[in-house]
Amino acid sequence: MVEIFQKVRILKKVKLNCKFSITKLLLKRLVENRNEVCHGNW
């Protein structure tokens, strides 16, 4: 019973990490796009 609980906790952590890295990637892309737009306007 305890082992299953620990596995679930680890899985949840991994899921959170995946979500976090995906949002980080999206934010990075947004920033890069914004920079391109700024450079394009100048």
PDB file of N, CA and C in Angstrom:
ATOM      1  N   MET A   1       0.843  -1.202   0.000  1.00  0.00           N
ATOM      2  CA  MET A   1       0.000   0.000   0.000  1.00  0.00           C
ATOM      3  C   MET A   1       0.881   1.256   0.000  1.00  0.00           C
ATOM      4  N   VAL A   2       1.873   1.270   0.860  1.00  0.00           N
ATOM      5  CA  VAL A   2       2.755   2.436   0.964  1.00  0.00           C
ATOM      6  C   VAL A   2       3.538   2.621  -0.325  1.00  0.00           C
ATOM      7  N   GLU A   3       4.010   1.506  -0.897  1.00  0.00           N
ATOM      8  CA  GLU A   3       4.796   1.585  -2.131  1.00  0.00           C
ATOM      9  C   GLU A   3       3.992   2.251  -3.237  1.00  0.00           C
ATOM     10  N   ILE A   4       2.737   1.835  -3.375  1.00  0.00           N
ATOM     11  CA  ILE A   4       1.875   2.411  -4.421  1.00  0.00           C
ATOM     12  C   ILE A   4       1.750   3.914  -4.197  1.00  0.00           C
ATOM     13  N   PHE A   5       1.527   4.297  -2.946  1.00  0.00           N
ATOM     14  CA  PHE A   5       1.380   5.716  -2.629  1.00  0.00           C
ATOM     15  C   PHE A   5       2.628   6.497  -3.035  1.00  0.00           C
ATOM     16  N   GLN A   6       3.808   5.929  -2.721  1.00  0.00           N
ATOM     17  CA  GLN A   6       5.067   6.602  -3.072  1.00  0.00           C
ATOM     18  C   GLN A   6       5.190   6.735  -4.583  1.00  0.00           C
ATOM     19  N   LYS A   7       4.827   5.674  -5.306  1.00  0.00           N
ATOM     20  CA  LYS A   7       4.918   5.719  -6.767  1.00  0.00           C
ATOM     21  C   LYS A   7       4.017   6.815  -7.316  1.00  0.00           C
ATOM     22  N   VAL A   8       2.817   6.908  -6.772  1.00  0.00           N
ATOM     23  CA  VAL A   8       1.873   7.936  -7.224  1.00  0.00           C
ATOM     24  C   VAL A   8       2.457   9.316  -6.973  1.00  0.00           C
ATOM     25  N   ARG A   9       3.062   9.491  -5.803  1.00  0.00           N
ATOM     26  CA  ARG A   9       3.669  10.795  -5.476  1.00  0.00           C
ATOM     27  C   ARG A   9       4.762  11.139  -6.476  1.00  0.00           C
ATOM     28  N   ILE A  10       5.600  10.156  -6.791  1.00  0.00           N
ATOM     29  CA  ILE A  10       6.693  10.396  -7.742  1.00  0.00           C
ATOM     30  C   ILE A  10       6.110  10.759  -9.101  1.00  0.00           C
ATOM     31  N   LEU A  11       5.076  10.022  -9.516  1.00  0.00           N
ATOM     32  CA  LEU A  11       4.441  10.294 -10.811  1.00  0.00           C
ATOM     33  C   LEU A  11       3.903  11.720 -10.837  1.00  0.00           C
ATOM     34  N   LYS A  12       3.252  12.122  -9.751  1.00  0.00           N
ATOM     35  CA  LYS A  12       2.706  13.484  -9.684  1.00  0.00           C
ATOM     36  C   LYS A  12       3.822  14.509  -9.822  1.00  0.00           C
ATOM     37  N   LYS A  13       4.931  14.255  -9.146  1.00  0.00           N
ATOM     38  CA  LYS A  13       6.078  15.177  -9.223  1.00  0.00           C
ATOM     39  C   LYS A  13       6.559  15.287 -10.660  1.00  0.00           C
ATOM     40  N   VAL A  14       6.697  14.140 -11.318  1.00  0.00           N
ATOM     41  CA  VAL A  14       7.171  14.129 -12.706  1.00  0.00           C
ATOM     42  C   VAL A  14       6.205  14.914 -13.578  1.00  0.00           C
ATOM     43  N   LYS A  15       4.898  14.700 -13.356  1.00  0.00           N
ATOM     44  CA  LYS A  15       3.883  15.413 -14.137  1.00  0.00           C
ATOM     45  C   LYS A  15       4.053  16.912 -13.952  1.00  0.00           C
ATOM     46  N   LEU A  16       4.224  17.342 -12.708  1.00  0.00           N
ATOM     47  CA  LEU A  16       4.397  18.766 -12.424  1.00  0.00           C
ATOM     48  C   LEU A  16       5.628  19.298 -13.140  1.00  0.00           C
ATOM     49  N   ASN A  17       6.715  18.543 -13.077  1.00  0.00           N
ATOM     50  CA  ASN A  17       7.948  18.972 -13.735  1.00  0.00           C
ATOM     51  C   ASN A  17       7.728  19.128 -15.227  1.00  0.00           C
ATOM     52  N   CYS A  18       6.997  18.175 -15.820  1.00  0.00           N
ATOM     53  CA  CYS A  18       6.722  18.249 -17.262  1.00  0.00           C
ATOM     54  C   CYS A  18       5.923  19.510 -17.564  1.00  0.00           C
ATOM     55  N   LYS A  19       4.865  19.737 -16.789  1.00  0.00           N
ATOM     56  CA  LYS A  19       4.037  20.932 -16.995  1.00  0.00           C
ATOM     57  C   LYS A  19       4.897  22.178 -16.884  1.00  0.00           C
ATOM     58  N   PHE A  20       5.742  22.217 -15.863  1.00  0.00           N
ATOM     59  CA  PHE A  20       6.574  23.388 -15.614  1.00  0.00           C
ATOM     60  C   PHE A  20       7.514  23.649 -16.785  1.00  0.00           C
ATOM     61  N   SER A  21       8.165  22.592 -17.261  1.00  0.00           N
ATOM     62  CA  SER A  21       9.115  22.774 -18.365  1.00  0.00           C
ATOM     63  C   SER A  21       8.380  23.192 -19.629  1.00  0.00           C
ATOM     64  N   ILE A  22       7.168  22.673 -19.833  1.00  0.00           N
ATOM     65  CA  ILE A  22       6.397  23.056 -21.028  1.00  0.00           C
ATOM     66  C   ILE A  22       6.045  24.536 -20.950  1.00  0.00           C
ATOM     67  N   THR A  23       5.577  24.992 -19.791  1.00  0.00           N
ATOM     68  CA  THR A  23       5.227  26.407 -19.657  1.00  0.00           C
ATOM     69  C   THR A  23       6.470  27.275 -19.813  1.00  0.00           C
ATOM     70  N   LYS A  24       7.601  26.790 -19.298  1.00  0.00           N
ATOM     71  CA  LYS A  24       8.852  27.542 -19.457  1.00  0.00           C
ATOM     72  C   LYS A  24       9.195  27.677 -20.932  1.00  0.00           C
ATOM     73  N   LEU A  25       9.033  26.578 -21.675  1.00  0.00           N
ATOM     74  CA  LEU A  25       9.314  26.598 -23.110  1.00  0.00           C
ATOM     75  C   LEU A  25       8.398  27.600 -23.799  1.00  0.00           C
ATOM     76  N   LEU A  26       7.116  27.560 -23.450  1.00  0.00           N
ATOM     77  CA  LEU A  26       6.150  28.470 -24.074  1.00  0.00           C
ATOM     78  C   LEU A  26       6.520  29.919 -23.766  1.00  0.00           C
ATOM     79  N   LEU A  27       6.854  30.195 -22.514  1.00  0.00           N
ATOM     80  CA  LEU A  27       7.235  31.558 -22.129  1.00  0.00           C
ATOM     81  C   LEU A  27       8.461  32.002 -22.907  1.00  0.00           C
ATOM     82  N   LYS A  28       9.452  31.115 -23.013  1.00  0.00           N
ATOM     83  CA  LYS A  28      10.680  31.443 -23.737  1.00  0.00           C
ATOM     84  C   LYS A  28      10.346  31.789 -25.181  1.00  0.00           C
ATOM     85  N   ARG A  29       9.471  30.975 -25.780  1.00  0.00           N
ATOM     86  CA  ARG A  29       9.096  31.207 -27.174  1.00  0.00           C
ATOM     87  C   ARG A  29       8.383  32.551 -27.301  1.00  0.00           C
ATOM     88  N   LEU A  30       7.502  32.840 -26.347  1.00  0.00           N
ATOM     89  CA  LEU A  30       6.784  34.120 -26.368  1.00  0.00           C
ATOM     90  C   LEU A  30       7.773  35.276 -26.319  1.00  0.00           C
ATOM     91  N   VAL A  31       8.730  35.186 -25.414  1.00  0.00           N
ATOM     92  CA  VAL A  31       9.729  36.253 -25.275  1.00  0.00           C
ATOM     93  C   VAL A  31      10.520  36.401 -26.564  1.00  0.00           C
ATOM     94  N   GLU A  32      10.922  35.267 -27.148  1.00  0.00           N
ATOM     95  CA  GLU A  32      11.697  35.320 -28.391  1.00  0.00           C
ATOM     96  C   GLU A  32      10.874  35.978 -29.489  1.00  0.00           C
ATOM     97  N   ASN A  33       9.598  35.597 -29.584  1.00  0.00           N
ATOM     98  CA  ASN A  33       8.733  36.184 -30.605  1.00  0.00           C
ATOM     99  C   ASN A  33       8.606  37.689 -30.391  1.00  0.00           C
ATOM    100  N   ARG A  34       8.459  38.090 -29.139  1.00  0.00           N
ATOM    101  CA  ARG A  34       8.321  39.511 -28.820  1.00  0.00           C
ATOM    102  C   ARG A  34       9.578  40.253 -29.244  1.00  0.00           C
ATOM    103  N   ASN A  35      10.734  39.663 -28.980  1.00  0.00           N
ATOM    104  CA  ASN A  35      12.002  40.282 -29.361  1.00  0.00           C
ATOM    105  C   ASN A  35      12.066  40.447 -30.870  1.00  0.00           C
ATOM    106  N   GLU A  36      11.631  39.408 -31.600  1.00  0.00           N
ATOM    107  CA  GLU A  36      11.658  39.483 -33.059  1.00  0.00           C
ATOM    108  C   GLU A  36      10.770  40.623 -33.532  1.00  0.00           C
ATOM    109  N   VAL A  37       9.608  40.734 -32.934  1.00  0.00           N
ATOM    110  CA  VAL A  37       8.674  41.797 -33.326  1.00  0.00           C
ATOM    111  C   VAL A  37       9.302  43.157 -33.051  1.00  0.00           C
ATOM    112  N   CYS A  38       9.908  43.305 -31.886  1.00  0.00           N
ATOM    113  CA  CYS A  38      10.541  44.576 -31.525  1.00  0.00           C
ATOM    114  C   CYS A  38      11.632  44.916 -32.534  1.00  0.00           C
ATOM    115  N   HIS A  39      12.466  43.947 -32.860  1.00  0.00           N
ATOM    116  CA  HIS A  39      13.552  44.203 -33.811  1.00  0.00           C
ATOM    117  C   HIS A  39      12.972  44.541 -35.175  1.00  0.00           C
ATOM    118  N   GLY A  40      11.868  43.890 -35.519  1.00  0.00           N
ATOM    119  CA  GLY A  40      11.250  44.134 -36.824  1.00  0.00           C
ATOM    120  C   GLY A  40      10.707  45.551 -36.909  1.00  0.00           C
ATOM    121  N   ASN A  41      10.193  46.072 -35.784  1.00  0.00           N
ATOM    122  CA  ASN A  41       9.614  47.415 -35.799  1.00  0.00           C
ATOM    123  C   ASN A  41      10.682  48.484 -35.949  1.00  0.00           C
ATOM    124  N   TRP A  42      11.894  48.211 -35.442  1.00  0.00           N
ATOM    125  CA  TRP A  42      12.927  49.247 -35.490  1.00  0.00           C
ATOM    126  C   TRP A  42      13.461  49.413 -36.852  1.00  0.00           C
TER     127      TRP A  42
END
